C-alpha atoms as a PDB file:
ATOM      1  CA  MET A   1      85.516  88.751 107.342  1.00  0.00           C
ATOM      2  CA  SER A   2      86.552  92.072 108.868  1.00  0.00           C
ATOM      3  CA  ILE A   3      90.206  92.967 109.291  1.00  0.00           C
ATOM      4  CA  GLN A   4      89.751  93.287 113.052  1.00  0.00           C
ATOM      5  CA  LYS A   5      89.056  89.541 113.340  1.00  0.00           C
ATOM      6  CA  TRP A   6      92.149  88.493 111.385  1.00  0.00           C
ATOM      7  CA  HIS A   7      94.711  86.168 112.908  1.00  0.00           C
ATOM      8  CA  PRO A   8      98.046  87.986 113.487  1.00  0.00           C
ATOM      9  CA  GLY A   9      99.674  85.609 111.006  1.00  0.00           C
ATOM     10  CA  LYS A  10      97.796  87.277 108.152  1.00  0.00           C
ATOM     11  CA  LEU A  11      99.401  90.606 109.027  1.00  0.00           C
ATOM     12  CA  ILE A  12     102.799  88.955 109.150  1.00  0.00           C
ATOM     13  CA  ILE A  13     102.252  87.514 105.664  1.00  0.00           C
ATOM     14  CA  LEU A  14     101.067  90.894 104.324  1.00  0.00           C
ATOM     15  CA  TRP A  15     104.045  92.734 105.803  1.00  0.00           C
ATOM     16  CA  SER A  16     106.470  90.083 104.533  1.00  0.00           C
ATOM     17  CA  TRP A  17     105.240  90.368 100.947  1.00  0.00           C
ATOM     18  CA  GLY A  18     104.906  94.145 101.198  1.00  0.00           C
ATOM     19  CA  CYS A  19     108.429  94.586 102.512  1.00  0.00           C
ATOM     20  CA  THR A  20     109.805  92.259  99.832  1.00  0.00           C
ATOM     21  CA  ALA A  21     108.060  94.249  97.087  1.00  0.00           C
ATOM     22  CA  SER A  22     109.219  97.526  98.659  1.00  0.00           C
ATOM     23  CA  ALA A  23     112.790  96.281  98.935  1.00  0.00           C
ATOM     24  CA  LEU A  24     112.844  95.260  95.271  1.00  0.00           C
ATOM     25  CA  ALA A  25     111.409  98.616  94.186  1.00  0.00           C
ATOM     26  CA  LEU A  26     113.841 100.471  96.445  1.00  0.00           C
ATOM     27  CA  THR A  27     116.765  98.484  95.023  1.00  0.00           C
ATOM     28  CA  ALA A  28     115.728  99.508  91.510  1.00  0.00           C
ATOM     29  CA  PHE A  29     115.215 103.084  92.732  1.00  0.00           C
ATOM     30  CA  LEU A  30     118.702 103.323  94.194  1.00  0.00           C
ATOM     31  CA  GLY A  31     120.376 101.373  91.388  1.00  0.00           C
ATOM     32  CA  THR A  32     119.579 103.706  88.501  1.00  0.00           C
ATOM     33  CA  PRO A  33     120.309 107.397  88.087  1.00  0.00           C
ATOM     34  CA  VAL A  34     117.356 109.764  87.948  1.00  0.00           C
ATOM     35  CA  ARG A  35     118.340 111.312  84.630  1.00  0.00           C
ATOM     36  CA  SER A  36     118.145 107.957  82.815  1.00  0.00           C
ATOM     37  CA  ALA A  37     114.398 107.505  83.497  1.00  0.00           C
ATOM     38  CA  PRO A  38     112.871 110.141  85.783  1.00  0.00           C
ATOM     39  CA  PHE A  39     109.280 108.888  85.562  1.00  0.00           C
ATOM     40  CA  LEU A  40     110.283 105.299  86.279  1.00  0.00           C
ATOM     41  CA  HIS A  41     112.335 106.576  89.205  1.00  0.00           C
ATOM     42  CA  LEU A  42     109.313 108.436  90.572  1.00  0.00           C
ATOM     43  CA  PHE A  43     107.083 105.390  90.048  1.00  0.00           C
ATOM     44  CA  GLU A  44     109.475 103.144  91.997  1.00  0.00           C
ATOM     45  CA  LEU A  45     109.508 105.587  94.902  1.00  0.00           C
ATOM     46  CA  LEU A  46     105.709 105.874  94.864  1.00  0.00           C
ATOM     47  CA  VAL A  47     105.355 102.068  94.897  1.00  0.00           C
ATOM     48  CA  VAL A  48     107.446 101.908  98.062  1.00  0.00           C
ATOM     49  CA  LEU A  49     105.558 104.723  99.784  1.00  0.00           C
ATOM     50  CA  PHE A  50     102.126 103.455  98.719  1.00  0.00           C
ATOM     51  CA  THR A  51     102.863  99.903  99.882  1.00  0.00           C
ATOM     52  CA  LEU A  52     104.068 101.000 103.300  1.00  0.00           C
ATOM     53  CA  ILE A  53     101.187 103.440 103.796  1.00  0.00           C
ATOM     54  CA  VAL A  54      98.571 100.833 102.855  1.00  0.00           C
ATOM     55  CA  LEU A  55     100.114  98.199 105.121  1.00  0.00           C
ATOM     56  CA  SER A  56     100.306 100.703 107.984  1.00  0.00           C
ATOM     57  CA  ALA A  57      96.637 101.619 107.500  1.00  0.00           C
ATOM     58  CA  ILE A  58      95.592  97.951 107.527  1.00  0.00           C
ATOM     59  CA  THR A  59      97.636  97.333 110.685  1.00  0.00           C
ATOM     60  CA  TRP A  60      96.215 100.471 112.341  1.00  0.00           C
ATOM     61  CA  HIS A  61      92.683  99.258 111.561  1.00  0.00           C
ATOM     62  CA  TRP A  62      93.483  95.782 112.912  1.00  0.00           C
ATOM     63  CA  PHE A  63      94.891  97.172 116.176  1.00  0.00           C
ATOM     64  CA  GLY A  64      91.860  99.474 116.497  1.00  0.00           C
ATOM     65  CA  GLY A  65      89.632  96.417 116.579  1.00  0.00           C
ATOM     66  CA  LYS A  66      91.779  94.881 119.313  1.00  0.00           C
ATOM     67  CA  GLU A  67      91.445  98.003 121.514  1.00  0.00           C
ATOM     68  CA  SER A  68      87.654  98.190 121.343  1.00  0.00           C
ATOM     69  CA  GLY A  69      87.008  94.468 121.703  1.00  0.00           C
END
């Protein structure tokens, strides 16, 4: 099934889980100093950015289907 035919509830579920995962990673990111584990710190930041970018791309694709249909 294509993303454009998804029910809006699926996007809500994706964003809920994505924001929860991002919030947990951001909490760990802000809770530890960089000098203690710089690569882990970078990884936590990249998890947050990657999650939000992927969810935004999925939502953009979903809305694109709504405009053309």
